[in-house]
Each structure stands twice: as structure tokens, then as C-alpha cells.
N, C-alpha and C. Protein backbone atom coordinates (compact mmCIF):
# COMPACT_ATOMS: atom_id res chain seq x y z
N UNK A 1 -45.49 9.95 45.83
CA UNK A 1 -46.58 9.32 45.44
C UNK A 1 -47.56 10.72 44.54
N UNK A 2 -47.80 9.91 43.29
CA UNK A 2 -48.41 11.09 42.42
C UNK A 2 -50.30 11.06 43.12
N UNK A 3 -50.70 12.12 42.46
CA UNK A 3 -52.15 12.66 42.85
C UNK A 3 -52.95 12.14 41.75
N UNK A 4 -54.46 11.86 42.06
CA UNK A 4 -55.40 11.47 41.29
C UNK A 4 -56.51 12.49 41.38
N UNK A 5 -57.20 12.68 40.17
CA UNK A 5 -58.38 13.00 40.33
C UNK A 5 -59.63 12.30 40.41
N UNK A 6 -60.55 12.50 41.24
CA UNK A 6 -61.63 11.45 41.48
C UNK A 6 -62.90 11.91 40.40
N UNK A 7 -63.75 10.89 40.47
CA UNK A 7 -65.02 11.39 39.91
C UNK A 7 -65.75 12.37 40.04
N UNK A 8 -65.49 12.89 41.38
CA UNK A 8 -65.92 14.47 41.92
C UNK A 8 -65.93 15.60 41.02
N UNK A 9 -64.81 15.34 40.00
CA UNK A 9 -64.33 16.51 39.45
C UNK A 9 -65.56 17.25 38.50
N UNK A 10 -65.77 18.61 38.71
CA UNK A 10 -66.89 19.23 37.98
C UNK A 10 -66.29 19.79 36.70
N UNK A 11 -64.92 19.50 36.46
CA UNK A 11 -64.13 19.84 35.12
C UNK A 11 -64.08 21.40 35.04
N UNK A 12 -64.07 22.11 36.23
CA UNK A 12 -63.96 23.55 36.49
C UNK A 12 -62.72 24.22 35.89
N UNK A 13 -62.10 23.30 35.15
CA UNK A 13 -60.73 23.95 34.64
C UNK A 13 -59.81 24.91 35.35
N UNK A 14 -59.82 24.68 36.89
CA UNK A 14 -58.86 25.35 37.34
C UNK A 14 -57.32 24.59 37.95
N UNK A 15 -57.32 23.19 37.71
CA UNK A 15 -56.23 22.22 38.19
C UNK A 15 -55.12 22.62 37.09
N UNK A 16 -55.84 22.54 35.74
CA UNK A 16 -54.87 22.22 34.85
C UNK A 16 -53.65 23.41 34.50
N UNK A 17 -54.15 24.59 34.63
CA UNK A 17 -53.08 25.67 34.24
C UNK A 17 -52.13 26.10 35.50
N UNK A 18 -52.78 25.27 36.90
CA UNK A 18 -51.63 25.44 37.75
C UNK A 18 -50.65 24.59 38.20
N UNK A 19 -50.81 23.33 37.46
CA UNK A 19 -49.68 22.59 37.11
C UNK A 19 -48.49 22.54 36.67
N UNK A 20 -47.08 22.74 37.52
CA UNK A 20 -46.16 23.20 36.72
C UNK A 20 -45.45 21.91 36.06
N UNK A 21 -45.84 21.07 36.06
CA UNK A 21 -45.04 19.84 35.65
C UNK A 21 -46.06 19.15 34.08
N UNK A 22 -47.09 20.42 33.67
CA UNK A 22 -48.00 19.90 32.77
C UNK A 22 -48.53 18.32 32.62
N UNK A 23 -48.70 17.86 34.35
CA UNK A 23 -49.12 16.54 34.35
C UNK A 23 -50.76 16.39 34.22
N UNK A 24 -51.35 17.42 34.33
CA UNK A 24 -53.19 17.59 34.25
C UNK A 24 -53.50 17.59 32.85
N UNK A 25 -54.16 16.66 32.22
CA UNK A 25 -54.99 16.78 30.98
C UNK A 25 -56.32 16.39 31.00
N UNK A 26 -56.98 16.94 30.14
CA UNK A 26 -58.45 16.64 30.00
C UNK A 26 -58.67 15.26 29.20
N UNK A 27 -59.26 14.30 30.28
CA UNK A 27 -59.44 12.82 29.89
C UNK A 27 -60.75 12.83 29.11
N UNK A 28 -61.35 11.55 29.05
CA UNK A 28 -62.72 11.42 28.19
C UNK A 28 -63.81 12.20 28.94
N UNK A 29 -63.86 11.91 30.29
CA UNK A 29 -65.08 12.62 31.00
C UNK A 29 -64.57 13.91 31.88
N UNK A 30 -63.25 13.42 32.58
CA UNK A 30 -62.86 14.59 33.82
C UNK A 30 -61.25 14.98 33.65
N UNK A 31 -60.88 15.89 34.29
CA UNK A 31 -59.25 15.99 34.18
C UNK A 31 -58.85 14.73 34.69
N UNK A 32 -57.66 14.41 34.22
CA UNK A 32 -56.61 13.18 34.78
C UNK A 32 -55.28 13.75 35.09
N UNK A 33 -54.34 13.13 35.69
CA UNK A 33 -53.01 13.49 36.28
C UNK A 33 -52.10 12.36 35.67
N UNK A 34 -51.27 12.62 34.85
CA UNK A 34 -50.40 11.50 34.24
C UNK A 34 -49.42 11.40 35.43
N UNK A 35 -49.34 10.10 35.94
CA UNK A 35 -48.49 9.91 37.29
C UNK A 35 -47.11 9.98 36.73
N UNK A 36 -46.53 9.72 35.95
CA UNK A 36 -45.16 9.84 35.37
C UNK A 36 -44.82 11.29 35.31
N UNK A 37 -45.80 12.37 35.36
CA UNK A 37 -45.13 13.60 35.25
C UNK A 37 -45.38 14.25 36.73
N UNK A 38 -46.08 14.13 37.27
CA UNK A 38 -46.66 14.34 39.00
C UNK A 38 -45.68 14.51 39.87
N UNK A 39 -45.13 15.40 40.45
CA UNK A 39 -44.06 15.65 41.59
C UNK A 39 -44.84 16.02 42.74
N UNK A 40 -46.08 16.19 42.93
CA UNK A 40 -46.94 16.64 43.92
C UNK A 40 -46.42 18.15 44.14
N UNK A 41 -45.87 18.52 43.01
CA UNK A 41 -45.20 19.97 43.08
C UNK A 41 -43.99 19.91 43.74
N UNK A 42 -43.21 19.02 44.28
CA UNK A 42 -42.24 19.14 45.00
C UNK A 42 -41.04 19.42 43.97
N UNK A 43 -40.45 20.64 44.38
CA UNK A 43 -39.27 21.30 43.68
C UNK A 43 -40.05 22.68 42.96
N UNK A 44 -41.13 22.77 43.18
CA UNK A 44 -41.87 24.13 42.83
C UNK A 44 -42.26 24.70 43.81
N UNK A 45 -43.43 23.97 44.28
CA UNK A 45 -44.09 24.58 45.81
C UNK A 45 -44.24 23.40 46.86
N UNK A 46 -44.74 24.14 47.98
CA UNK A 46 -44.56 23.45 49.48
C UNK A 46 -45.86 22.40 49.45
N UNK A 47 -46.72 22.79 48.81
CA UNK A 47 -48.07 22.08 48.71
C UNK A 47 -48.34 21.94 47.15
N UNK A 48 -49.25 20.75 47.14
CA UNK A 48 -49.96 20.77 45.28
C UNK A 48 -50.71 21.71 45.24
N UNK A 49 -50.26 22.09 43.88
CA UNK A 49 -51.17 23.16 43.77
C UNK A 49 -52.63 23.17 43.18
N UNK A 50 -52.63 21.87 42.40
CA UNK A 50 -54.02 21.33 41.78
C UNK A 50 -54.87 21.31 43.10
N UNK A 51 -54.37 20.56 44.00
CA UNK A 51 -55.21 20.26 45.28
C UNK A 51 -55.58 21.45 45.75
N UNK A 52 -54.80 22.48 46.09
CA UNK A 52 -54.79 24.02 46.71
C UNK A 52 -55.99 24.51 46.41
N UNK A 53 -55.89 24.68 44.75
CA UNK A 53 -57.07 25.36 44.33
C UNK A 53 -58.33 24.78 43.75
N UNK A 54 -58.58 23.41 44.04
CA UNK A 54 -59.56 22.37 43.76
C UNK A 54 -60.60 22.81 44.35
N UNK A 55 -61.74 23.29 43.83
CA UNK A 55 -62.96 23.76 44.59
C UNK A 55 -64.04 22.70 45.26
N UNK A 56 -63.65 21.52 44.92
CA UNK A 56 -64.56 20.32 45.27
C UNK A 56 -63.72 19.46 46.14
N UNK A 57 -62.51 19.45 46.07
CA UNK A 57 -61.54 18.90 47.07
C UNK A 57 -61.46 17.40 46.29
N UNK A 58 -60.92 17.20 45.13
CA UNK A 58 -61.34 15.63 44.39
C UNK A 58 -60.07 15.21 44.04
N UNK A 59 -58.89 15.85 44.70
CA UNK A 59 -57.58 15.46 44.33
C UNK A 59 -56.95 14.82 45.34
N UNK A 60 -56.86 13.51 45.78
CA UNK A 60 -56.10 13.09 46.88
C UNK A 60 -54.86 12.44 46.30
N UNK A 61 -54.07 11.81 47.10
CA UNK A 61 -52.79 11.08 46.74
C UNK A 61 -53.42 9.67 46.20
N UNK A 62 -52.71 9.37 45.15
CA UNK A 62 -53.02 7.75 44.34
C UNK A 62 -52.10 6.87 44.89
N UNK A 63 -53.11 6.09 45.77
CA UNK A 63 -51.99 4.94 46.41
C UNK A 63 -51.73 3.85 45.33
N UNK A 64 -52.13 3.84 44.11
CA UNK A 64 -51.38 2.93 43.24
C UNK A 64 -49.90 3.53 42.87
N UNK A 65 -49.49 4.78 42.72
CA UNK A 65 -48.44 5.43 42.47
C UNK A 65 -47.58 5.94 44.09
N UNK A 66 -47.09 5.05 44.78
CA UNK A 66 -46.43 5.53 46.07
C UNK A 66 -45.17 6.13 45.56
N UNK A 67 -44.69 7.31 46.16
CA UNK A 67 -43.40 7.60 46.25
C UNK A 67 -42.83 8.38 47.41
N UNK A 68 -41.78 8.12 47.82
CA UNK A 68 -41.15 9.28 48.93
C UNK A 68 -40.92 10.66 48.34
N UNK A 69 -40.50 11.20 49.23
CA UNK A 69 -40.07 12.77 48.86
C UNK A 69 -38.73 12.68 47.98
N UNK A 70 -37.91 11.77 48.19
CA UNK A 70 -36.66 11.62 47.63
C UNK A 70 -37.25 11.23 45.93
N UNK A 71 -37.93 10.39 46.16
CA UNK A 71 -38.05 9.87 44.62
C UNK A 71 -38.96 10.93 43.54
N UNK A 72 -39.73 11.85 44.55
CA UNK A 72 -40.49 13.07 43.67
C UNK A 72 -39.65 13.77 43.38
N UNK A 73 -38.63 14.28 44.61
CA UNK A 73 -37.62 15.13 44.16
C UNK A 73 -36.90 14.83 42.72
N UNK A 74 -36.46 13.54 42.91
CA UNK A 74 -35.82 12.83 41.43
C UNK A 74 -36.39 12.94 40.54
N UNK A 75 -37.89 12.75 40.44
CA UNK A 75 -38.52 13.05 39.55
C UNK A 75 -38.56 14.35 38.92
N UNK A 76 -38.80 15.25 39.88
CA UNK A 76 -38.59 16.54 39.51
C UNK A 76 -37.45 17.15 38.57
N UNK A 77 -36.38 16.70 39.45
CA UNK A 77 -34.76 17.13 38.71
C UNK A 77 -34.71 16.51 37.16
N UNK A 78 -35.37 15.20 37.04
CA UNK A 78 -35.26 14.47 35.47
C UNK A 78 -36.27 15.31 34.57
N UNK A 79 -37.17 15.62 35.20
CA UNK A 79 -38.26 16.41 34.24
C UNK A 79 -37.64 17.86 34.00
N UNK A 80 -37.13 18.38 34.85
CA UNK A 80 -36.33 19.83 34.62
C UNK A 80 -35.13 19.57 33.52
N UNK A 81 -34.50 18.39 33.72
CA UNK A 81 -33.27 18.01 32.70
C UNK A 81 -33.91 18.03 31.54
N UNK A 82 -35.01 17.30 31.31
CA UNK A 82 -35.73 16.96 29.85
C UNK A 82 -36.19 18.41 29.49
N UNK A 83 -36.74 19.10 30.14
CA UNK A 83 -37.37 20.52 29.76
C UNK A 83 -36.02 21.16 29.17
N UNK A 84 -35.00 21.52 29.79
CA UNK A 84 -33.80 22.02 29.29
C UNK A 84 -32.97 21.34 28.24
N UNK A 85 -33.27 20.21 27.84
CA UNK A 85 -32.53 19.76 26.45
C UNK A 85 -33.09 19.81 25.50
């Protein structure tokens, strides 16, 4: 399941640089997470780094993008393959 950033976001700029998949970007008003790139840090870390460092706790799981651990690992592997090509 991908994560999402809620409108409680204060645009503190902490989440974007800690995302190992470059899934976080500045949206029109707040930061957003591209669900096709978010692996919840599976393959990189044990805990999603954006949620870990967020000072306002505004990064929950996105119920609209449900994925199993296996699917997240497959996505991670695909992203790594794309980066190395």
C-alpha cells in the first residue's frame, strides 16, 4: 500500500529528501506521493522514512492503493531495475 500526505502537511521539506524512490514531490499546495513509486521503503528500510521523520504525523497509508508486502517488494525490484538501465 502506498502512503499519502494529508492536508495537515506544513511543507516542512523533511519528507522529500528522505524518500529513497523519489516518490515525493511538491504538489500545488502541499507535498504529494506518487503511488507508482512508493514502496513504503520496502527494500530500503524497515520503516517508511517520510512517516518516521514527519513532525506532524500526516503520512498515513493510502487506502486507495492497497498492496501486499510481496507487491511492494516486486515494485521495489522493478524500480531498481529501471534505475540501473
